[in-house]
Amino acid sequence: MLSETTLKKMVIEAMKEKDPTLFQELTNSGELEAFAQMRATDGMETYQTLIYQALDQSATSIQTLYEKIQQHTIANQDAKTIVIRQVTEFPNP
C-alpha cells in the first residue's frame, strides 16, 4: 500500500541519487525533512484524486462487478506508478 511515509523515503533516496547537490543543501539547511514531507503530501493528494476519479468512472459504468474490480486494481496500480514517478523526479543538475 502506498503511504506518505513510504513516499517520503522515496523522495529522499531519489534526491540523494539524482540531485546530490540539492540533497546536501537541504540537509545542511535542515530543510530536508520538510521538503520530503511536502512532496510526499502532494503525492498522496494526487494519488487520492486519481483513485476518486477512477471510482467515479466505475460508479457510472455498466460493467460487471468483476470488471469493476479489475478496473479498480488497474487504476490503483496506474495511480501508484504516476505518483512515484512524480515524487521521485528531479531534474539533472
PDB file of N, CA and C in Angstrom:
ATOM      1  N   MET A   1       0.835  -1.188   0.000  1.00  0.00           N
ATOM      2  CA  MET A   1       0.000   0.000   0.000  1.00  0.00           C
ATOM      3  C   MET A   1       0.878   1.250   0.000  1.00  0.00           C
ATOM      4  N   LEU A   2       0.442   2.232  -0.698  1.00  0.00           N
ATOM      5  CA  LEU A   2       1.181   3.487  -0.787  1.00  0.00           C
ATOM      6  C   LEU A   2       0.863   4.342   0.431  1.00  0.00           C
ATOM      7  N   SER A   3       1.889   4.879   1.046  1.00  0.00           N
ATOM      8  CA  SER A   3       1.686   5.740   2.215  1.00  0.00           C
ATOM      9  C   SER A   3       2.585   6.971   2.095  1.00  0.00           C
ATOM     10  N   GLU A   4       2.247   7.983   2.871  1.00  0.00           N
ATOM     11  CA  GLU A   4       3.053   9.203   2.884  1.00  0.00           C
ATOM     12  C   GLU A   4       4.465   8.914   3.381  1.00  0.00           C
ATOM     13  N   THR A   5       4.573   8.050   4.371  1.00  0.00           N
ATOM     14  CA  THR A   5       5.884   7.683   4.916  1.00  0.00           C
ATOM     15  C   THR A   5       6.745   7.025   3.847  1.00  0.00           C
ATOM     16  N   THR A   6       6.149   6.104   3.096  1.00  0.00           N
ATOM     17  CA  THR A   6       6.885   5.431   2.021  1.00  0.00           C
ATOM     18  C   THR A   6       7.319   6.427   0.954  1.00  0.00           C
ATOM     19  N   LEU A   7       6.405   7.311   0.578  1.00  0.00           N
ATOM     20  CA  LEU A   7       6.748   8.315  -0.435  1.00  0.00           C
ATOM     21  C   LEU A   7       7.861   9.238   0.051  1.00  0.00           C
ATOM     22  N   LYS A   8       7.805   9.611   1.311  1.00  0.00           N
ATOM     23  CA  LYS A   8       8.831  10.493   1.875  1.00  0.00           C
ATOM     24  C   LYS A   8      10.214   9.839   1.775  1.00  0.00           C
ATOM     25  N   LYS A   9      10.293   8.566   2.110  1.00  0.00           N
ATOM     26  CA  LYS A   9      11.567   7.834   1.996  1.00  0.00           C
ATOM     27  C   LYS A   9      12.025   7.767   0.548  1.00  0.00           C
ATOM     28  N   MET A  10      11.078   7.556  -0.367  1.00  0.00           N
ATOM     29  CA  MET A  10      11.424   7.508  -1.795  1.00  0.00           C
ATOM     30  C   MET A  10      11.966   8.845  -2.284  1.00  0.00           C
ATOM     31  N   VAL A  11      11.356   9.931  -1.821  1.00  0.00           N
ATOM     32  CA  VAL A  11      11.814  11.276  -2.202  1.00  0.00           C
ATOM     33  C   VAL A  11      13.259  11.476  -1.775  1.00  0.00           C
ATOM     34  N   ILE A  12      13.563  11.142  -0.538  1.00  0.00           N
ATOM     35  CA  ILE A  12      14.916  11.336  -0.012  1.00  0.00           C
ATOM     36  C   ILE A  12      15.927  10.484  -0.769  1.00  0.00           C
ATOM     37  N   GLU A  13      15.596   9.221  -0.993  1.00  0.00           N
ATOM     38  CA  GLU A  13      16.518   8.339  -1.715  1.00  0.00           C
ATOM     39  C   GLU A  13      16.727   8.793  -3.155  1.00  0.00           C
ATOM     40  N   ALA A  14      15.646   9.204  -3.819  1.00  0.00           N
ATOM     41  CA  ALA A  14      15.762   9.674  -5.205  1.00  0.00           C
ATOM     42  C   ALA A  14      16.595  10.942  -5.281  1.00  0.00           C
ATOM     43  N   MET A  15      16.408  11.835  -4.311  1.00  0.00           N
ATOM     44  CA  MET A  15      17.172  13.079  -4.307  1.00  0.00           C
ATOM     45  C   MET A  15      18.662  12.794  -4.100  1.00  0.00           C
ATOM     46  N   LYS A  16      18.968  11.878  -3.196  1.00  0.00           N
ATOM     47  CA  LYS A  16      20.377  11.505  -2.973  1.00  0.00           C
ATOM     48  C   LYS A  16      21.028  11.060  -4.271  1.00  0.00           C
ATOM     49  N   GLU A  17      20.283  10.260  -5.029  1.00  0.00           N
ATOM     50  CA  GLU A  17      20.825   9.676  -6.253  1.00  0.00           C
ATOM     51  C   GLU A  17      20.812  10.646  -7.435  1.00  0.00           C
ATOM     52  N   LYS A  18      19.701  11.352  -7.616  1.00  0.00           N
ATOM     53  CA  LYS A  18      19.517  12.151  -8.820  1.00  0.00           C
ATOM     54  C   LYS A  18      19.960  13.602  -8.701  1.00  0.00           C
ATOM     55  N   ASP A  19      19.936  14.139  -7.494  1.00  0.00           N
ATOM     56  CA  ASP A  19      20.341  15.539  -7.301  1.00  0.00           C
ATOM     57  C   ASP A  19      21.068  15.681  -5.963  1.00  0.00           C
ATOM     58  N   PRO A  20      22.280  15.120  -5.879  1.00  0.00           N
ATOM     59  CA  PRO A  20      23.011  15.150  -4.614  1.00  0.00           C
ATOM     60  C   PRO A  20      23.318  16.559  -4.111  1.00  0.00           C
ATOM     61  N   THR A  21      23.420  17.513  -5.017  1.00  0.00           N
ATOM     62  CA  THR A  21      23.680  18.888  -4.599  1.00  0.00           C
ATOM     63  C   THR A  21      22.493  19.440  -3.809  1.00  0.00           C
ATOM     64  N   LEU A  22      21.297  19.259  -4.345  1.00  0.00           N
ATOM     65  CA  LEU A  22      20.095  19.699  -3.641  1.00  0.00           C
ATOM     66  C   LEU A  22      19.951  18.952  -2.321  1.00  0.00           C
ATOM     67  N   PHE A  23      20.227  17.667  -2.337  1.00  0.00           N
ATOM     68  CA  PHE A  23      20.155  16.866  -1.119  1.00  0.00           C
ATOM     69  C   PHE A  23      21.080  17.448  -0.052  1.00  0.00           C
ATOM     70  N   GLN A  24      22.288  17.773  -0.435  1.00  0.00           N
ATOM     71  CA  GLN A  24      23.261  18.325   0.516  1.00  0.00           C
ATOM     72  C   GLN A  24      22.824  19.696   1.023  1.00  0.00           C
ATOM     73  N   GLU A  25      22.333  20.530   0.114  1.00  0.00           N
ATOM     74  CA  GLU A  25      21.875  21.872   0.510  1.00  0.00           C
ATOM     75  C   GLU A  25      20.726  21.789   1.523  1.00  0.00           C
ATOM     76  N   LEU A  26      19.749  20.924   1.244  1.00  0.00           N
ATOM     77  CA  LEU A  26      18.603  20.790   2.145  1.00  0.00           C
ATOM     78  C   LEU A  26      19.001  20.148   3.471  1.00  0.00           C
ATOM     79  N   THR A  27      19.931  19.221   3.413  1.00  0.00           N
ATOM     80  CA  THR A  27      20.430  18.597   4.644  1.00  0.00           C
ATOM     81  C   THR A  27      21.136  19.631   5.506  1.00  0.00           C
ATOM     82  N   ASN A  28      22.018  20.403   4.887  1.00  0.00           N
ATOM     83  CA  ASN A  28      22.780  21.414   5.623  1.00  0.00           C
ATOM     84  C   ASN A  28      21.892  22.507   6.216  1.00  0.00           C
ATOM     85  N   SER A  29      20.821  22.860   5.504  1.00  0.00           N
ATOM     86  CA  SER A  29      19.937  23.925   5.985  1.00  0.00           C
ATOM     87  C   SER A  29      18.874  23.405   6.953  1.00  0.00           C
ATOM     88  N   GLY A  30      18.800  22.081   7.101  1.00  0.00           N
ATOM     89  CA  GLY A  30      17.804  21.492   7.990  1.00  0.00           C
ATOM     90  C   GLY A  30      16.409  21.428   7.384  1.00  0.00           C
ATOM     91  N   GLU A  31      16.315  21.602   6.086  1.00  0.00           N
ATOM     92  CA  GLU A  31      15.016  21.636   5.421  1.00  0.00           C
ATOM     93  C   GLU A  31      14.671  20.345   4.680  1.00  0.00           C
ATOM     94  N   LEU A  32      15.523  19.340   4.763  1.00  0.00           N
ATOM     95  CA  LEU A  32      15.304  18.104   4.009  1.00  0.00           C
ATOM     96  C   LEU A  32      13.996  17.420   4.394  1.00  0.00           C
ATOM     97  N   GLU A  33      13.763  17.259   5.680  1.00  0.00           N
ATOM     98  CA  GLU A  33      12.548  16.572   6.139  1.00  0.00           C
ATOM     99  C   GLU A  33      11.289  17.300   5.686  1.00  0.00           C
ATOM    100  N   ALA A  34      11.268  18.618   5.810  1.00  0.00           N
ATOM    101  CA  ALA A  34      10.097  19.402   5.417  1.00  0.00           C
ATOM    102  C   ALA A  34       9.856  19.302   3.914  1.00  0.00           C
ATOM    103  N   PHE A  35      10.935  19.363   3.131  1.00  0.00           N
ATOM    104  CA  PHE A  35      10.818  19.258   1.680  1.00  0.00           C
ATOM    105  C   PHE A  35      10.267  17.891   1.286  1.00  0.00           C
ATOM    106  N   ALA A  36      10.839  16.840   1.864  1.00  0.00           N
ATOM    107  CA  ALA A  36      10.397  15.478   1.541  1.00  0.00           C
ATOM    108  C   ALA A  36       8.950  15.267   1.974  1.00  0.00           C
ATOM    109  N   GLN A  37       8.588  15.808   3.128  1.00  0.00           N
ATOM    110  CA  GLN A  37       7.208  15.672   3.611  1.00  0.00           C
ATOM    111  C   GLN A  37       6.227  16.390   2.691  1.00  0.00           C
ATOM    112  N   MET A  38       6.599  17.581   2.244  1.00  0.00           N
ATOM    113  CA  MET A  38       5.739  18.337   1.341  1.00  0.00           C
ATOM    114  C   MET A  38       5.518  17.578   0.035  1.00  0.00           C
ATOM    115  N   ARG A  39       6.590  17.024  -0.485  1.00  0.00           N
ATOM    116  CA  ARG A  39       6.490  16.285  -1.745  1.00  0.00           C
ATOM    117  C   ARG A  39       5.649  15.021  -1.565  1.00  0.00           C
ATOM    118  N   ALA A  40       5.826  14.349  -0.433  1.00  0.00           N
ATOM    119  CA  ALA A  40       5.047  13.143  -0.149  1.00  0.00           C
ATOM    120  C   ALA A  40       3.564  13.483   0.022  1.00  0.00           C
ATOM    121  N   THR A  41       3.277  14.570   0.692  1.00  0.00           N
ATOM    122  CA  THR A  41       1.890  15.000   0.888  1.00  0.00           C
ATOM    123  C   THR A  41       1.243  15.333  -0.456  1.00  0.00           C
ATOM    124  N   ASP A  42       1.964  16.054  -1.295  1.00  0.00           N
ATOM    125  CA  ASP A  42       1.462  16.365  -2.639  1.00  0.00           C
ATOM    126  C   ASP A  42       1.204  15.082  -3.425  1.00  0.00           C
ATOM    127  N   GLY A  43       2.110  14.133  -3.304  1.00  0.00           N
ATOM    128  CA  GLY A  43       1.949  12.856  -3.995  1.00  0.00           C
ATOM    129  C   GLY A  43       0.705  12.107  -3.542  1.00  0.00           C
ATOM    130  N   MET A  44       0.455  12.090  -2.240  1.00  0.00           N
ATOM    131  CA  MET A  44      -0.723  11.405  -1.722  1.00  0.00           C
ATOM    132  C   MET A  44      -2.008  12.103  -2.172  1.00  0.00           C
ATOM    133  N   GLU A  45      -1.976  13.409  -2.263  1.00  0.00           N
ATOM    134  CA  GLU A  45      -3.148  14.137  -2.760  1.00  0.00           C
ATOM    135  C   GLU A  45      -3.425  13.765  -4.217  1.00  0.00           C
ATOM    136  N   THR A  46      -2.378  13.677  -5.012  1.00  0.00           N
ATOM    137  CA  THR A  46      -2.528  13.264  -6.406  1.00  0.00           C
ATOM    138  C   THR A  46      -3.078  11.843  -6.482  1.00  0.00           C
ATOM    139  N   TYR A  47      -2.527  10.956  -5.667  1.00  0.00           N
ATOM    140  CA  TYR A  47      -2.970   9.562  -5.631  1.00  0.00           C
ATOM    141  C   TYR A  47      -4.467   9.487  -5.295  1.00  0.00           C
ATOM    142  N   GLN A  48      -4.879  10.191  -4.274  1.00  0.00           N
ATOM    143  CA  GLN A  48      -6.287  10.162  -3.874  1.00  0.00           C
ATOM    144  C   GLN A  48      -7.193  10.719  -4.970  1.00  0.00           C
ATOM    145  N   THR A  49      -6.757  11.776  -5.623  1.00  0.00           N
ATOM    146  CA  THR A  49      -7.539  12.347  -6.725  1.00  0.00           C
ATOM    147  C   THR A  49      -7.704  11.337  -7.852  1.00  0.00           C
ATOM    148  N   LEU A  50      -6.620  10.669  -8.213  1.00  0.00           N
ATOM    149  CA  LEU A  50      -6.685   9.686  -9.295  1.00  0.00           C
ATOM    150  C   LEU A  50      -7.597   8.515  -8.929  1.00  0.00           C
ATOM    151  N   ILE A  51      -7.525   8.067  -7.689  1.00  0.00           N
ATOM    152  CA  ILE A  51      -8.362   6.956  -7.245  1.00  0.00           C
ATOM    153  C   ILE A  51      -9.831   7.374  -7.234  1.00  0.00           C
ATOM    154  N   TYR A  52     -10.134   8.561  -6.727  1.00  0.00           N
ATOM    155  CA  TYR A  52     -11.520   9.032  -6.709  1.00  0.00           C
ATOM    156  C   TYR A  52     -12.069   9.185  -8.117  1.00  0.00           C
ATOM    157  N   GLN A  53     -11.247   9.642  -9.045  1.00  0.00           N
ATOM    158  CA  GLN A  53     -11.697   9.747 -10.431  1.00  0.00           C
ATOM    159  C   GLN A  53     -12.042   8.375 -10.997  1.00  0.00           C
ATOM    160  N   ALA A  54     -11.211   7.392 -10.689  1.00  0.00           N
ATOM    161  CA  ALA A  54     -11.466   6.027 -11.165  1.00  0.00           C
ATOM    162  C   ALA A  54     -12.746   5.472 -10.552  1.00  0.00           C
ATOM    163  N   LEU A  55     -12.971   5.749  -9.272  1.00  0.00           N
ATOM    164  CA  LEU A  55     -14.193   5.287  -8.615  1.00  0.00           C
ATOM    165  C   LEU A  55     -15.425   5.947  -9.214  1.00  0.00           C
ATOM    166  N   ASP A  56     -15.339   7.234  -9.517  1.00  0.00           N
ATOM    167  CA  ASP A  56     -16.464   7.940 -10.137  1.00  0.00           C
ATOM    168  C   ASP A  56     -16.802   7.348 -11.506  1.00  0.00           C
ATOM    169  N   GLN A  57     -15.772   7.063 -12.281  1.00  0.00           N
ATOM    170  CA  GLN A  57     -15.997   6.466 -13.602  1.00  0.00           C
ATOM    171  C   GLN A  57     -16.632   5.096 -13.463  1.00  0.00           C
ATOM    172  N   SER A  58     -16.179   4.344 -12.505  1.00  0.00           N
ATOM    173  CA  SER A  58     -16.679   2.991 -12.283  1.00  0.00           C
ATOM    174  C   SER A  58     -18.136   3.005 -11.833  1.00  0.00           C
ATOM    175  N   ALA A  59     -18.487   3.973 -11.010  1.00  0.00           N
ATOM    176  CA  ALA A  59     -19.850   4.042 -10.468  1.00  0.00           C
ATOM    177  C   ALA A  59     -20.886   4.253 -11.561  1.00  0.00           C
ATOM    178  N   THR A  60     -20.500   4.911 -12.636  1.00  0.00           N
ATOM    179  CA  THR A  60     -21.451   5.205 -13.710  1.00  0.00           C
ATOM    180  C   THR A  60     -21.334   4.237 -14.892  1.00  0.00           C
ATOM    181  N   SER A  61     -20.454   3.254 -14.772  1.00  0.00           N
ATOM    182  CA  SER A  61     -20.263   2.327 -15.886  1.00  0.00           C
ATOM    183  C   SER A  61     -21.258   1.159 -15.796  1.00  0.00           C
ATOM    184  N   ILE A  62     -21.388   0.450 -16.889  1.00  0.00           N
ATOM    185  CA  ILE A  62     -22.306  -0.683 -16.966  1.00  0.00           C
ATOM    186  C   ILE A  62     -21.544  -2.000 -16.815  1.00  0.00           C
ATOM    187  N   GLN A  63     -20.357  -1.957 -16.320  1.00  0.00           N
ATOM    188  CA  GLN A  63     -19.526  -3.151 -16.185  1.00  0.00           C
ATOM    189  C   GLN A  63     -20.066  -4.074 -15.097  1.00  0.00           C
ATOM    190  N   THR A  64     -19.654  -5.332 -15.207  1.00  0.00           N
ATOM    191  CA  THR A  64     -19.992  -6.285 -14.153  1.00  0.00           C
ATOM    192  C   THR A  64     -19.125  -5.988 -12.937  1.00  0.00           C
ATOM    193  N   LEU A  65     -19.488  -6.540 -11.810  1.00  0.00           N
ATOM    194  CA  LEU A  65     -18.706  -6.340 -10.594  1.00  0.00           C
ATOM    195  C   LEU A  65     -17.271  -6.801 -10.798  1.00  0.00           C
ATOM    196  N   TYR A  66     -17.094  -7.951 -11.421  1.00  0.00           N
ATOM    197  CA  TYR A  66     -15.750  -8.471 -11.683  1.00  0.00           C
ATOM    198  C   TYR A  66     -14.942  -7.494 -12.536  1.00  0.00           C
ATOM    199  N   GLU A  67     -15.557  -6.937 -13.567  1.00  0.00           N
ATOM    200  CA  GLU A  67     -14.867  -5.972 -14.431  1.00  0.00           C
ATOM    201  C   GLU A  67     -14.508  -4.701 -13.657  1.00  0.00           C
ATOM    202  N   LYS A  68     -15.406  -4.272 -12.781  1.00  0.00           N
ATOM    203  CA  LYS A  68     -15.132  -3.087 -11.967  1.00  0.00           C
ATOM    204  C   LYS A  68     -13.949  -3.333 -11.036  1.00  0.00           C
ATOM    205  N   ILE A  69     -13.895  -4.502 -10.440  1.00  0.00           N
ATOM    206  CA  ILE A  69     -12.771  -4.844  -9.562  1.00  0.00           C
ATOM    207  C   ILE A  69     -11.470  -4.837 -10.356  1.00  0.00           C
ATOM    208  N   GLN A  70     -11.492  -5.394 -11.541  1.00  0.00           N
ATOM    209  CA  GLN A  70     -10.296  -5.371 -12.392  1.00  0.00           C
ATOM    210  C   GLN A  70      -9.892  -3.937 -12.711  1.00  0.00           C
ATOM    211  N   GLN A  71     -10.851  -3.101 -13.060  1.00  0.00           N
ATOM    212  CA  GLN A  71     -10.560  -1.706 -13.376  1.00  0.00           C
ATOM    213  C   GLN A  71      -9.999  -0.970 -12.163  1.00  0.00           C
ATOM    214  N   HIS A  72     -10.522  -1.231 -10.986  1.00  0.00           N
ATOM    215  CA  HIS A  72     -10.020  -0.591  -9.767  1.00  0.00           C
ATOM    216  C   HIS A  72      -8.580  -1.008  -9.509  1.00  0.00           C
ATOM    217  N   THR A  73      -8.293  -2.281  -9.711  1.00  0.00           N
ATOM    218  CA  THR A  73      -6.933  -2.780  -9.500  1.00  0.00           C
ATOM    219  C   THR A  73      -5.959  -2.110 -10.467  1.00  0.00           C
ATOM    220  N   ILE A  74      -6.358  -2.024 -11.714  1.00  0.00           N
ATOM    221  CA  ILE A  74      -5.514  -1.377 -12.725  1.00  0.00           C
ATOM    222  C   ILE A  74      -5.348   0.113 -12.414  1.00  0.00           C
ATOM    223  N   ALA A  75      -6.449   0.774 -12.057  1.00  0.00           N
ATOM    224  CA  ALA A  75      -6.386   2.205 -11.745  1.00  0.00           C
ATOM    225  C   ALA A  75      -5.498   2.463 -10.538  1.00  0.00           C
ATOM    226  N   ASN A  76      -5.566   1.598  -9.542  1.00  0.00           N
ATOM    227  CA  ASN A  76      -4.729   1.745  -8.351  1.00  0.00           C
ATOM    228  C   ASN A  76      -3.248   1.616  -8.710  1.00  0.00           C
ATOM    229  N   GLN A  77      -2.927   0.616  -9.501  1.00  0.00           N
ATOM    230  CA  GLN A  77      -1.523   0.430  -9.902  1.00  0.00           C
ATOM    231  C   GLN A  77      -1.032   1.584 -10.756  1.00  0.00           C
ATOM    232  N   ASP A  78      -1.869   2.035 -11.682  1.00  0.00           N
ATOM    233  CA  ASP A  78      -1.501   3.182 -12.523  1.00  0.00           C
ATOM    234  C   ASP A  78      -1.280   4.433 -11.675  1.00  0.00           C
ATOM    235  N   ALA A  79      -2.169   4.675 -10.710  1.00  0.00           N
ATOM    236  CA  ALA A  79      -2.035   5.840  -9.836  1.00  0.00           C
ATOM    237  C   ALA A  79      -0.738   5.777  -9.036  1.00  0.00           C
ATOM    238  N   LYS A  80      -0.412   4.603  -8.509  1.00  0.00           N
ATOM    239  CA  LYS A  80       0.842   4.444  -7.762  1.00  0.00           C
ATOM    240  C   LYS A  80       2.041   4.763  -8.650  1.00  0.00           C
ATOM    241  N   THR A  81       2.023   4.239  -9.862  1.00  0.00           N
ATOM    242  CA  THR A  81       3.133   4.468 -10.791  1.00  0.00           C
ATOM    243  C   THR A  81       3.298   5.952 -11.090  1.00  0.00           C
ATOM    244  N   ILE A  82       2.193   6.629 -11.355  1.00  0.00           N
ATOM    245  CA  ILE A  82       2.237   8.055 -11.661  1.00  0.00           C
ATOM    246  C   ILE A  82       2.787   8.845 -10.483  1.00  0.00           C
ATOM    247  N   VAL A  83       2.300   8.554  -9.292  1.00  0.00           N
ATOM    248  CA  VAL A  83       2.709   9.302  -8.100  1.00  0.00           C
ATOM    249  C   VAL A  83       4.174   9.055  -7.767  1.00  0.00           C
ATOM    250  N   ILE A  84       4.607   7.808  -7.824  1.00  0.00           N
ATOM    251  CA  ILE A  84       6.010   7.504  -7.527  1.00  0.00           C
ATOM    252  C   ILE A  84       6.918   8.208  -8.529  1.00  0.00           C
ATOM    253  N   ARG A  85       6.542   8.182  -9.788  1.00  0.00           N
ATOM    254  CA  ARG A  85       7.340   8.884 -10.807  1.00  0.00           C
ATOM    255  C   ARG A  85       7.369  10.379 -10.509  1.00  0.00           C
ATOM    256  N   GLN A  86       6.230  10.927 -10.111  1.00  0.00           N
ATOM    257  CA  GLN A  86       6.123  12.366  -9.832  1.00  0.00           C
ATOM    258  C   GLN A  86       7.005  12.776  -8.654  1.00  0.00           C
ATOM    259  N   VAL A  87       6.920  12.060  -7.549  1.00  0.00           N
ATOM    260  CA  VAL A  87       7.659  12.498  -6.350  1.00  0.00           C
ATOM    261  C   VAL A  87       9.148  12.197  -6.410  1.00  0.00           C
ATOM    262  N   THR A  88       9.545  11.273  -7.266  1.00  0.00           N
ATOM    263  CA  THR A  88      10.972  10.939  -7.351  1.00  0.00           C
ATOM    264  C   THR A  88      11.652  11.577  -8.547  1.00  0.00           C
ATOM    265  N   GLU A  89      10.963  12.471  -9.222  1.00  0.00           N
ATOM    266  CA  GLU A  89      11.543  13.152 -10.375  1.00  0.00           C
ATOM    267  C   GLU A  89      12.348  14.372  -9.931  1.00  0.00           C
ATOM    268  N   PHE A  90      13.588  14.387 -10.302  1.00  0.00           N
ATOM    269  CA  PHE A  90      14.472  15.515 -10.038  1.00  0.00           C
ATOM    270  C   PHE A  90      15.242  15.812 -11.305  1.00  0.00           C
ATOM    271  N   PRO A  91      15.249  17.066 -11.737  1.00  0.00           N
ATOM    272  CA  PRO A  91      15.974  17.401 -12.963  1.00  0.00           C
ATOM    273  C   PRO A  91      17.470  17.163 -12.776  1.00  0.00           C
ATOM    274  N   ASN A  92      18.108  16.845 -13.856  1.00  0.00           N
ATOM    275  CA  ASN A  92      19.554  16.676 -13.786  1.00  0.00           C
ATOM    276  C   ASN A  92      20.213  17.996 -13.446  1.00  0.00           C
ATOM    277  N   PRO A  93      21.081  18.002 -12.436  1.00  0.00           N
ATOM    278  CA  PRO A  93      21.729  19.263 -12.040  1.00  0.00           C
ATOM    279  C   PRO A  93      22.686  19.788 -13.092  1.00  0.00           C
TER     280      PRO A  93
END
